[in-house]
Protein backbone atom coordinates (compact mmCIF):
# COMPACT_ATOMS: atom_id res chain seq x y z
CA MET A 1 14.66 63.40 2.91
CA ARG A 2 13.62 60.19 1.23
CA THR A 3 10.61 59.95 -1.05
CA SER A 4 8.90 56.85 -2.31
CA ALA A 5 8.43 56.10 -5.98
CA PRO A 6 4.96 55.71 -7.45
CA PRO A 7 3.77 52.12 -7.79
CA PRO A 8 4.91 50.37 -10.98
CA SER A 9 2.48 50.57 -13.91
CA TRP A 10 1.84 46.82 -13.77
CA VAL A 11 0.29 47.06 -10.30
CA ASN A 12 -3.07 47.97 -11.84
CA SER A 13 -2.80 46.05 -15.12
CA ASP A 14 -4.41 42.73 -14.05
CA LEU A 15 -1.30 40.66 -14.75
CA PRO A 16 -1.07 37.26 -13.05
CA ASP A 17 1.26 36.63 -10.13
CA LEU A 18 4.46 34.84 -11.16
CA GLU A 19 5.93 31.98 -9.17
CA GLU A 20 9.66 31.64 -8.56
CA GLY A 21 11.14 28.61 -10.29
CA GLU A 22 8.49 28.49 -13.02
CA THR A 23 9.10 29.28 -16.70
CA TYR A 24 7.06 31.86 -18.59
CA ARG A 25 6.75 33.27 -22.11
CA PHE A 26 6.20 37.04 -22.26
CA GLU A 27 4.71 38.83 -25.26
CA SER A 28 4.34 42.59 -25.80
CA VAL A 29 6.82 43.82 -23.22
CA VAL A 30 8.85 47.02 -23.19
CA THR A 31 12.62 46.61 -22.98
CA ASP A 32 15.15 49.17 -21.84
CA GLU A 33 18.89 49.45 -21.25
CA TYR A 34 20.70 51.92 -19.01
CA GLU A 35 24.43 51.84 -18.30
CA GLY A 36 24.67 48.23 -19.48
CA ARG A 37 21.76 47.01 -17.35
CA TYR A 38 18.72 45.64 -19.12
CA SER A 39 15.14 45.69 -17.91
CA VAL A 40 11.80 44.34 -19.06
CA LYS A 41 8.66 46.30 -18.27
CA LEU A 42 5.25 44.68 -18.17
CA THR A 43 2.24 46.70 -19.33
CA SER A 44 -1.49 46.21 -19.67
CA GLU A 45 -0.73 44.90 -23.20
CA THR A 46 1.65 42.20 -21.91
CA GLU A 47 0.58 38.58 -22.34
CA ILE A 48 2.08 35.94 -20.03
CA GLU A 49 1.95 32.19 -20.60
CA GLN A 50 3.27 29.66 -18.09
CA LEU A 51 5.28 26.96 -19.87
CA ASN A 52 5.43 23.30 -18.93
CA GLY A 53 8.43 21.05 -19.36
CA VAL A 54 12.05 21.81 -20.11
CA VAL A 55 12.94 24.92 -22.10
CA ALA A 56 16.23 25.04 -24.03
CA VAL A 57 18.16 28.28 -23.52
CA THR A 58 20.74 29.34 -26.11
CA LYS A 59 22.92 32.40 -26.62
């Protein structure tokens, strides 16, 4: 028997839709790691800003 998971918490948090290929800055997110896999969770406290131009990525 298969059950469905409840909707993610961000479904009702009035966050904007994100567009593939765009660059964003996220503030006030929750991070998690499980078995070497990382995740970022968006909450009602999360702020999202769409960035314009080229963004340098470093390690």
